[in-house]
Amino acid sequence: RLWDPRKYSGRQQFIPKNQHEETILLLLIAETLAVRDAVLSQSPEFRDARVHSLGNATAIYDLLTLATVRWNQVALLHDSLEKALKFAFGESHVWKQYATCLMALGRFKHAVCALKEHSNLEPGDSMSCLMAARICYEHLDQVKEGLAFAEEALRKELKAPVGRRSRAQLYVGIGLQQMAVSSNLVSERDRYNRLAFEALERAVQQDPNDHLVEYYLACQHAHNFNITEALVHITTALSLRAEHASSLLLFALLLTANRRP
């Protein structure tokens, strides 16, 4: 050989042990170069250069997302996306990646803030509102805020449908259902129950093949001690998706409540 590559060794040096580590290392190097070459000026004369550099950076972050999530290195992706926001603060795709990354890390309050920003950048997209509503329902115990996000998603779907109207209607029904459960006043609880029934019935009309709508409608009937109707809807839910664990559990509970073996 006329030439051999020089090998370095030392305590402060990282040497990839396999192809996957080498892939992530190369993507991190590419990300460093993309951040270095990013055009921060917002002047009109730099628009083309700014769009070009942003496109390169976005492609790198997409590849980095695939590589890091596969090997459970979400924290590494989070650090990279935080740096991206310095020059891509108006890019909705980066904000959505950042929000989902925060969700994966369990930082739900920050994720809701990022989803709000994405919703502002994409006024016609209802997905960010639905994701924020789910976080509020499941992780933050903020039912009113989640219901507001769900209603905003429904308004967006009514204004410019993109195929998520049934799911938005379902999330509204879930929020109203939880409001009814947490209400202390009988009149207020009855009002929320009535609104929840109406929302869930509309969701069924929008998508009769959604097992989740039937499941939550069965839950609503069960909360109101209407076991017969609840059994009808939970049977429909299981016919649509037989392996849904929550539906199976509710079905067993309803059979027990109905004194059937």
C-alpha atoms as a PDB file:
ATOM      1  CA  ARG A   1       0.000   0.000   0.000  1.00  0.00           C
ATOM      2  CA  LEU A   2       1.143   3.504  -0.777  1.00  0.00           C
ATOM      3  CA  TRP A   3      -1.020   5.052   1.949  1.00  0.00           C
ATOM      4  CA  ASP A   4      -2.785   3.911   5.102  1.00  0.00           C
ATOM      5  CA  PRO A   5      -5.361   5.939   7.050  1.00  0.00           C
ATOM      6  CA  ARG A   6      -4.050   7.367  10.286  1.00  0.00           C
ATOM      7  CA  LYS A   7      -5.693   5.945  13.391  1.00  0.00           C
ATOM      8  CA  TYR A   8      -6.206   7.998  16.517  1.00  0.00           C
ATOM      9  CA  SER A   9      -6.839   6.835  20.043  1.00  0.00           C
ATOM     10  CA  GLY A  10      -7.461   8.595  23.329  1.00  0.00           C
ATOM     11  CA  ARG A  11      -9.833   8.940  26.250  1.00  0.00           C
ATOM     12  CA  GLN A  12     -11.802  11.847  24.793  1.00  0.00           C
ATOM     13  CA  GLN A  13     -12.400  10.232  21.420  1.00  0.00           C
ATOM     14  CA  PHE A  14     -15.512   8.319  20.395  1.00  0.00           C
ATOM     15  CA  ILE A  15     -14.963   5.280  18.213  1.00  0.00           C
ATOM     16  CA  PRO A  16     -18.113   3.688  16.727  1.00  0.00           C
ATOM     17  CA  LYS A  17     -18.415   0.035  17.664  1.00  0.00           C
ATOM     18  CA  ASN A  18     -20.910  -0.911  14.961  1.00  0.00           C
ATOM     19  CA  GLN A  19     -22.617   0.365  11.832  1.00  0.00           C
ATOM     20  CA  HIS A  20     -25.511   1.935  13.739  1.00  0.00           C
ATOM     21  CA  GLU A  21     -23.244   4.063  15.940  1.00  0.00           C
ATOM     22  CA  GLU A  22     -21.315   5.094  12.854  1.00  0.00           C
ATOM     23  CA  THR A  23     -24.571   6.116  11.134  1.00  0.00           C
ATOM     24  CA  ILE A  24     -25.604   8.325  14.059  1.00  0.00           C
ATOM     25  CA  LEU A  25     -22.102   9.821  14.238  1.00  0.00           C
ATOM     26  CA  LEU A  26     -22.163  10.731  10.542  1.00  0.00           C
ATOM     27  CA  LEU A  27     -25.616  12.287  10.899  1.00  0.00           C
ATOM     28  CA  LEU A  28     -24.463  14.339  13.887  1.00  0.00           C
ATOM     29  CA  ILE A  29     -21.502  15.575  11.857  1.00  0.00           C
ATOM     30  CA  ALA A  30     -23.854  16.433   8.979  1.00  0.00           C
ATOM     31  CA  GLU A  31     -26.135  18.236  11.438  1.00  0.00           C
ATOM     32  CA  THR A  32     -23.203  20.275  12.758  1.00  0.00           C
ATOM     33  CA  LEU A  33     -22.329  21.331   9.214  1.00  0.00           C
ATOM     34  CA  ALA A  34     -25.974  22.179   8.470  1.00  0.00           C
ATOM     35  CA  VAL A  35     -26.236  24.355  11.586  1.00  0.00           C
ATOM     36  CA  ARG A  36     -22.968  26.063  10.697  1.00  0.00           C
ATOM     37  CA  ASP A  37     -24.160  26.833   7.164  1.00  0.00           C
ATOM     38  CA  ALA A  38     -27.655  27.931   8.226  1.00  0.00           C
ATOM     39  CA  VAL A  39     -28.731  31.352   6.978  1.00  0.00           C
ATOM     40  CA  LEU A  40     -30.087  33.339   9.916  1.00  0.00           C
ATOM     41  CA  SER A  41     -30.783  36.577   8.073  1.00  0.00           C
ATOM     42  CA  GLN A  42     -34.464  37.178   7.304  1.00  0.00           C
ATOM     43  CA  SER A  43     -33.726  39.725   4.572  1.00  0.00           C
ATOM     44  CA  PRO A  44     -35.544  39.141   1.261  1.00  0.00           C
ATOM     45  CA  GLU A  45     -32.293  38.935  -0.707  1.00  0.00           C
ATOM     46  CA  PHE A  46     -31.237  35.861   1.310  1.00  0.00           C
ATOM     47  CA  ARG A  47     -34.534  34.050   0.861  1.00  0.00           C
ATOM     48  CA  ASP A  48     -33.298  31.464  -1.668  1.00  0.00           C
ATOM     49  CA  ALA A  49     -30.195  30.681   0.370  1.00  0.00           C
ATOM     50  CA  ARG A  50     -32.292  30.426   3.527  1.00  0.00           C
ATOM     51  CA  VAL A  51     -34.775  28.013   1.906  1.00  0.00           C
ATOM     52  CA  HIS A  52     -31.926  25.893   0.517  1.00  0.00           C
ATOM     53  CA  SER A  53     -30.101  25.612   3.847  1.00  0.00           C
ATOM     54  CA  LEU A  54     -33.349  24.888   5.677  1.00  0.00           C
ATOM     55  CA  GLY A  55     -34.212  22.112   3.222  1.00  0.00           C
ATOM     56  CA  ASN A  56     -30.828  20.473   3.769  1.00  0.00           C
ATOM     57  CA  ALA A  57     -31.171  20.735   7.540  1.00  0.00           C
ATOM     58  CA  THR A  58     -34.713  19.327   7.519  1.00  0.00           C
ATOM     59  CA  ALA A  59     -33.606  16.309   5.481  1.00  0.00           C
ATOM     60  CA  ILE A  60     -30.812  15.642   7.972  1.00  0.00           C
ATOM     61  CA  TYR A  61     -33.192  15.905  10.930  1.00  0.00           C
ATOM     62  CA  ASP A  62     -35.584  13.461   9.261  1.00  0.00           C
ATOM     63  CA  LEU A  63     -32.767  10.928   8.880  1.00  0.00           C
ATOM     64  CA  LEU A  64     -31.558  11.617  12.413  1.00  0.00           C
ATOM     65  CA  THR A  65     -35.074  10.987  13.709  1.00  0.00           C
ATOM     66  CA  LEU A  66     -35.175   7.562  12.052  1.00  0.00           C
ATOM     67  CA  ALA A  67     -31.747   6.623  13.385  1.00  0.00           C
ATOM     68  CA  THR A  68     -32.113   7.859  16.970  1.00  0.00           C
ATOM     69  CA  VAL A  69     -35.675   6.693  17.637  1.00  0.00           C
ATOM     70  CA  ARG A  70     -34.858   3.190  16.436  1.00  0.00           C
ATOM     71  CA  TRP A  71     -32.088   2.906  19.037  1.00  0.00           C
ATOM     72  CA  ASN A  72     -33.932   4.757  21.803  1.00  0.00           C
ATOM     73  CA  GLN A  73     -31.729   7.855  21.665  1.00  0.00           C
ATOM     74  CA  VAL A  74     -34.592  10.354  21.812  1.00  0.00           C
ATOM     75  CA  ALA A  75     -32.695  12.658  24.188  1.00  0.00           C
ATOM     76  CA  LEU A  76     -29.995  13.044  21.542  1.00  0.00           C
ATOM     77  CA  LEU A  77     -32.638  13.949  18.963  1.00  0.00           C
ATOM     78  CA  HIS A  78     -34.158  16.473  21.378  1.00  0.00           C
ATOM     79  CA  ASP A  79     -30.845  18.312  21.736  1.00  0.00           C
ATOM     80  CA  SER A  80     -30.468  18.479  17.960  1.00  0.00           C
ATOM     81  CA  LEU A  81     -34.013  19.757  17.383  1.00  0.00           C
ATOM     82  CA  GLU A  82     -33.563  22.463  20.017  1.00  0.00           C
ATOM     83  CA  LYS A  83     -30.616  23.758  18.016  1.00  0.00           C
ATOM     84  CA  ALA A  84     -32.703  23.598  14.846  1.00  0.00           C
ATOM     85  CA  LEU A  85     -35.340  25.926  16.305  1.00  0.00           C
ATOM     86  CA  LYS A  86     -32.783  28.737  16.380  1.00  0.00           C
ATOM     87  CA  PHE A  87     -32.905  29.033  12.596  1.00  0.00           C
ATOM     88  CA  ALA A  88     -36.130  27.141  11.787  1.00  0.00           C
ATOM     89  CA  PHE A  89     -38.516  28.799  14.238  1.00  0.00           C
ATOM     90  CA  GLY A  90     -41.067  29.351  11.453  1.00  0.00           C
ATOM     91  CA  GLU A  91     -40.872  25.813  10.045  1.00  0.00           C
ATOM     92  CA  SER A  92     -43.935  23.800  11.076  1.00  0.00           C
ATOM     93  CA  HIS A  93     -42.346  20.429  10.275  1.00  0.00           C
ATOM     94  CA  VAL A  94     -39.519  21.003  12.756  1.00  0.00           C
ATOM     95  CA  TRP A  95     -41.987  22.118  15.432  1.00  0.00           C
ATOM     96  CA  LYS A  96     -44.030  18.952  14.949  1.00  0.00           C
ATOM     97  CA  GLN A  97     -40.918  16.798  15.220  1.00  0.00           C
ATOM     98  CA  TYR A  98     -39.923  18.704  18.348  1.00  0.00           C
ATOM     99  CA  ALA A  99     -43.375  18.197  19.897  1.00  0.00           C
ATOM    100  CA  THR A 100     -43.434  14.447  19.248  1.00  0.00           C
ATOM    101  CA  CYS A 101     -39.894  14.198  20.612  1.00  0.00           C
ATOM    102  CA  LEU A 102     -41.006  15.907  23.830  1.00  0.00           C
ATOM    103  CA  MET A 103     -43.935  13.490  24.061  1.00  0.00           C
ATOM    104  CA  ALA A 104     -41.568  10.534  23.752  1.00  0.00           C
ATOM    105  CA  LEU A 105     -39.454  11.980  26.581  1.00  0.00           C
ATOM    106  CA  GLY A 106     -42.510  12.420  28.795  1.00  0.00           C
ATOM    107  CA  ARG A 107     -42.229  16.223  28.870  1.00  0.00           C
ATOM    108  CA  PHE A 108     -45.913  16.708  28.216  1.00  0.00           C
ATOM    109  CA  LYS A 109     -46.349  20.357  29.269  1.00  0.00           C
ATOM    110  CA  HIS A 110     -43.586  21.438  26.896  1.00  0.00           C
ATOM    111  CA  ALA A 111     -45.058  19.203  24.199  1.00  0.00           C
ATOM    112  CA  VAL A 112     -48.408  21.007  24.439  1.00  0.00           C
ATOM    113  CA  CYS A 113     -46.643  24.364  24.029  1.00  0.00           C
ATOM    114  CA  ALA A 114     -44.822  23.075  20.946  1.00  0.00           C
ATOM    115  CA  LEU A 115     -48.083  21.737  19.503  1.00  0.00           C
ATOM    116  CA  LYS A 116     -49.696  25.149  20.042  1.00  0.00           C
ATOM    117  CA  GLU A 117     -46.899  26.733  18.031  1.00  0.00           C
ATOM    118  CA  HIS A 118     -47.317  24.149  15.276  1.00  0.00           C
ATOM    119  CA  SER A 119     -51.064  24.805  15.220  1.00  0.00           C
ATOM    120  CA  ASN A 120     -50.417  28.531  14.777  1.00  0.00           C
ATOM    121  CA  LEU A 121     -48.061  27.822  11.875  1.00  0.00           C
ATOM    122  CA  GLU A 122     -50.523  25.366  10.258  1.00  0.00           C
ATOM    123  CA  PRO A 123     -54.007  26.864  10.794  1.00  0.00           C
ATOM    124  CA  GLY A 124     -55.676  24.206   8.645  1.00  0.00           C
ATOM    125  CA  ASP A 125     -54.106  21.168  10.341  1.00  0.00           C
ATOM    126  CA  SER A 126     -56.218  19.587  13.079  1.00  0.00           C
ATOM    127  CA  MET A 127     -53.708  16.886  14.043  1.00  0.00           C
ATOM    128  CA  SER A 128     -51.703  19.084  16.434  1.00  0.00           C
ATOM    129  CA  CYS A 129     -54.891  20.040  18.300  1.00  0.00           C
ATOM    130  CA  LEU A 130     -55.912  16.384  18.582  1.00  0.00           C
ATOM    131  CA  MET A 131     -52.478  15.434  19.899  1.00  0.00           C
ATOM    132  CA  ALA A 132     -52.603  18.258  22.453  1.00  0.00           C
ATOM    133  CA  ALA A 133     -56.107  17.194  23.529  1.00  0.00           C
ATOM    134  CA  ARG A 134     -54.955  13.622  24.082  1.00  0.00           C
ATOM    135  CA  ILE A 135     -52.004  14.771  26.189  1.00  0.00           C
ATOM    136  CA  CYS A 136     -54.288  16.931  28.335  1.00  0.00           C
ATOM    137  CA  TYR A 137     -56.724  14.048  28.842  1.00  0.00           C
ATOM    138  CA  GLU A 138     -54.217  11.285  29.516  1.00  0.00           C
ATOM    139  CA  HIS A 139     -51.209  12.920  31.175  1.00  0.00           C
ATOM    140  CA  LEU A 140     -51.920  16.421  32.487  1.00  0.00           C
ATOM    141  CA  ASP A 141     -55.398  15.980  34.014  1.00  0.00           C
ATOM    142  CA  GLN A 142     -56.473  19.172  32.235  1.00  0.00           C
ATOM    143  CA  VAL A 143     -59.869  18.191  30.888  1.00  0.00           C
ATOM    144  CA  LYS A 144     -61.082  21.720  30.106  1.00  0.00           C
ATOM    145  CA  GLU A 145     -57.929  22.538  28.167  1.00  0.00           C
ATOM    146  CA  GLY A 146     -58.138  19.224  26.317  1.00  0.00           C
ATOM    147  CA  LEU A 147     -61.780  19.845  25.444  1.00  0.00           C
ATOM    148  CA  ALA A 148     -60.844  23.282  24.101  1.00  0.00           C
ATOM    149  CA  PHE A 149     -58.183  21.696  21.855  1.00  0.00           C
ATOM    150  CA  ALA A 150     -60.674  19.074  20.646  1.00  0.00           C
ATOM    151  CA  GLU A 151     -63.278  21.725  19.841  1.00  0.00           C
ATOM    152  CA  GLU A 152     -60.634  23.730  17.977  1.00  0.00           C
ATOM    153  CA  ALA A 153     -59.753  20.622  15.949  1.00  0.00           C
ATOM    154  CA  LEU A 154     -63.432  20.111  15.143  1.00  0.00           C
ATOM    155  CA  ARG A 155     -63.773  23.734  14.001  1.00  0.00           C
ATOM    156  CA  LYS A 156     -60.791  23.269  11.701  1.00  0.00           C
ATOM    157  CA  GLU A 157     -62.305  20.091  10.275  1.00  0.00           C
ATOM    158  CA  LEU A 158     -65.641  21.786   9.638  1.00  0.00           C
ATOM    159  CA  LYS A 159     -63.873  24.674   7.919  1.00  0.00           C
ATOM    160  CA  ALA A 160     -61.419  22.630   5.839  1.00  0.00           C
ATOM    161  CA  PRO A 161     -61.996  18.849   6.107  1.00  0.00           C
ATOM    162  CA  VAL A 162     -58.927  16.600   5.910  1.00  0.00           C
ATOM    163  CA  GLY A 163     -60.539  13.332   7.030  1.00  0.00           C
ATOM    164  CA  ARG A 164     -60.322  13.682  10.819  1.00  0.00           C
ATOM    165  CA  ARG A 165     -63.789  15.005  11.594  1.00  0.00           C
ATOM    166  CA  SER A 166     -64.946  11.784  13.260  1.00  0.00           C
ATOM    167  CA  ARG A 167     -61.850  11.617  15.464  1.00  0.00           C
ATOM    168  CA  ALA A 168     -62.219  15.281  16.436  1.00  0.00           C
ATOM    169  CA  GLN A 169     -65.874  14.650  17.291  1.00  0.00           C
ATOM    170  CA  LEU A 170     -64.810  11.638  19.368  1.00  0.00           C
ATOM    171  CA  TYR A 171     -62.269  13.709  21.319  1.00  0.00           C
ATOM    172  CA  VAL A 172     -64.962  16.296  22.040  1.00  0.00           C
ATOM    173  CA  GLY A 173     -67.180  13.497  23.337  1.00  0.00           C
ATOM    174  CA  ILE A 174     -64.380  12.130  25.531  1.00  0.00           C
ATOM    175  CA  GLY A 175     -63.786  15.577  27.020  1.00  0.00           C
ATOM    176  CA  LEU A 176     -67.474  16.070  27.762  1.00  0.00           C
ATOM    177  CA  GLN A 177     -67.607  12.568  29.239  1.00  0.00           C
ATOM    178  CA  GLN A 178     -64.751  13.353  31.615  1.00  0.00           C
ATOM    179  CA  MET A 179     -66.322  16.687  32.527  1.00  0.00           C
ATOM    180  CA  ALA A 180     -69.516  14.832  33.474  1.00  0.00           C
ATOM    181  CA  VAL A 181     -67.611  12.348  35.640  1.00  0.00           C
ATOM    182  CA  SER A 182     -65.790  15.120  37.527  1.00  0.00           C
ATOM    183  CA  SER A 183     -68.878  17.343  38.011  1.00  0.00           C
ATOM    184  CA  ASN A 184     -70.365  17.583  41.502  1.00  0.00           C
ATOM    185  CA  LEU A 185     -73.628  19.321  40.596  1.00  0.00           C
ATOM    186  CA  VAL A 186     -76.355  17.018  39.292  1.00  0.00           C
ATOM    187  CA  SER A 187     -77.643  19.547  36.764  1.00  0.00           C
ATOM    188  CA  GLU A 188     -74.152  20.167  35.419  1.00  0.00           C
ATOM    189  CA  ARG A 189     -73.415  16.445  35.211  1.00  0.00           C
ATOM    190  CA  ASP A 190     -76.669  15.803  33.348  1.00  0.00           C
ATOM    191  CA  ARG A 191     -75.873  18.578  30.866  1.00  0.00           C
ATOM    192  CA  TYR A 192     -72.394  17.223  30.143  1.00  0.00           C
ATOM    193  CA  ASN A 193     -73.776  13.692  29.795  1.00  0.00           C
ATOM    194  CA  ARG A 194     -76.335  14.888  27.258  1.00  0.00           C
ATOM    195  CA  LEU A 195     -73.689  16.778  25.280  1.00  0.00           C
ATOM    196  CA  ALA A 196     -71.356  13.765  25.398  1.00  0.00           C
ATOM    197  CA  PHE A 197     -74.083  11.502  23.997  1.00  0.00           C
ATOM    198  CA  GLU A 198     -74.743  13.964  21.181  1.00  0.00           C
ATOM    199  CA  ALA A 199     -71.050  14.291  20.314  1.00  0.00           C
ATOM    200  CA  LEU A 200     -70.451  10.534  20.321  1.00  0.00           C
ATOM    201  CA  GLU A 201     -73.570   9.853  18.242  1.00  0.00           C
ATOM    202  CA  ARG A 202     -72.351  12.367  15.653  1.00  0.00           C
ATOM    203  CA  ALA A 203     -68.961  10.631  15.664  1.00  0.00           C
ATOM    204  CA  VAL A 204     -70.693   7.303  14.905  1.00  0.00           C
ATOM    205  CA  GLN A 205     -72.528   8.919  12.005  1.00  0.00           C
ATOM    206  CA  GLN A 206     -69.253  10.279  10.629  1.00  0.00           C
ATOM    207  CA  ASP A 207     -67.424   6.930  10.857  1.00  0.00           C
ATOM    208  CA  PRO A 208     -69.533   3.840  11.638  1.00  0.00           C
ATOM    209  CA  ASN A 209     -66.436   1.603  11.440  1.00  0.00           C
ATOM    210  CA  ASP A 210     -64.439   3.234  14.237  1.00  0.00           C
ATOM    211  CA  HIS A 211     -64.247   0.817  17.167  1.00  0.00           C
ATOM    212  CA  LEU A 212     -63.128   3.569  19.564  1.00  0.00           C
ATOM    213  CA  VAL A 213     -66.320   5.554  19.023  1.00  0.00           C
ATOM    214  CA  GLU A 214     -68.409   2.480  19.844  1.00  0.00           C
ATOM    215  CA  TYR A 215     -66.236   1.770  22.882  1.00  0.00           C
ATOM    216  CA  TYR A 216     -66.639   5.258  24.351  1.00  0.00           C
ATOM    217  CA  LEU A 217     -70.342   5.238  23.554  1.00  0.00           C
ATOM    218  CA  ALA A 218     -70.592   1.985  25.519  1.00  0.00           C
ATOM    219  CA  CYS A 219     -68.684   3.650  28.374  1.00  0.00           C
ATOM    220  CA  GLN A 220     -71.123   6.548  28.308  1.00  0.00           C
ATOM    221  CA  HIS A 221     -74.121   4.218  28.548  1.00  0.00           C
ATOM    222  CA  ALA A 222     -72.410   2.288  31.345  1.00  0.00           C
ATOM    223  CA  HIS A 223     -71.811   5.512  33.298  1.00  0.00           C
ATOM    224  CA  ASN A 224     -75.534   6.166  33.044  1.00  0.00           C
ATOM    225  CA  PHE A 225     -76.400   2.602  34.199  1.00  0.00           C
ATOM    226  CA  ASN A 226     -77.868   1.654  30.818  1.00  0.00           C
ATOM    227  CA  ILE A 227     -76.311  -1.810  30.669  1.00  0.00           C
ATOM    228  CA  THR A 228     -78.395  -3.131  27.768  1.00  0.00           C
ATOM    229  CA  GLU A 229     -77.404  -0.307  25.391  1.00  0.00           C
ATOM    230  CA  ALA A 230     -73.808  -0.478  26.611  1.00  0.00           C
ATOM    231  CA  LEU A 231     -73.675  -4.181  25.700  1.00  0.00           C
ATOM    232  CA  VAL A 232     -74.989  -3.426  22.221  1.00  0.00           C
ATOM    233  CA  HIS A 233     -72.266  -0.860  21.542  1.00  0.00           C
ATOM    234  CA  ILE A 234     -69.421  -2.839  23.114  1.00  0.00           C
ATOM    235  CA  THR A 235     -70.418  -5.855  21.012  1.00  0.00           C
ATOM    236  CA  THR A 236     -70.227  -3.650  17.931  1.00  0.00           C
ATOM    237  CA  ALA A 237     -66.817  -2.366  19.038  1.00  0.00           C
ATOM    238  CA  LEU A 238     -65.505  -5.926  19.408  1.00  0.00           C
ATOM    239  CA  SER A 239     -66.910  -6.901  16.017  1.00  0.00           C
ATOM    240  CA  LEU A 240     -64.903  -4.032  14.515  1.00  0.00           C
ATOM    241  CA  ARG A 241     -61.724  -4.855  16.454  1.00  0.00           C
ATOM    242  CA  ALA A 242     -61.813  -8.069  18.456  1.00  0.00           C
ATOM    243  CA  GLU A 243     -58.345  -7.663  20.011  1.00  0.00           C
ATOM    244  CA  HIS A 244     -58.991  -4.257  21.614  1.00  0.00           C
ATOM    245  CA  ALA A 245     -58.084  -4.920  25.266  1.00  0.00           C
ATOM    246  CA  SER A 246     -60.168  -2.122  26.793  1.00  0.00           C
ATOM    247  CA  SER A 247     -63.268  -3.283  24.915  1.00  0.00           C
ATOM    248  CA  LEU A 248     -62.744  -6.853  26.119  1.00  0.00           C
ATOM    249  CA  LEU A 249     -62.415  -5.674  29.711  1.00  0.00           C
ATOM    250  CA  LEU A 250     -65.520  -3.489  29.504  1.00  0.00           C
ATOM    251  CA  PHE A 251     -67.442  -6.350  27.878  1.00  0.00           C
ATOM    252  CA  ALA A 252     -66.544  -8.645  30.783  1.00  0.00           C
ATOM    253  CA  LEU A 253     -67.553  -6.009  33.328  1.00  0.00           C
ATOM    254  CA  LEU A 254     -70.876  -5.405  31.599  1.00  0.00           C
ATOM    255  CA  LEU A 255     -71.654  -9.127  31.502  1.00  0.00           C
ATOM    256  CA  THR A 256     -70.894  -9.311  35.214  1.00  0.00           C
ATOM    257  CA  ALA A 257     -73.076  -6.283  35.931  1.00  0.00           C
ATOM    258  CA  ASN A 258     -75.860  -7.865  33.890  1.00  0.00           C
ATOM    259  CA  ARG A 259     -75.461 -11.098  35.899  1.00  0.00           C
ATOM    260  CA  ARG A 260     -74.560 -13.107  32.829  1.00  0.00           C
ATOM    261  CA  PRO A 261     -71.804 -15.767  32.916  1.00  0.00           C
END
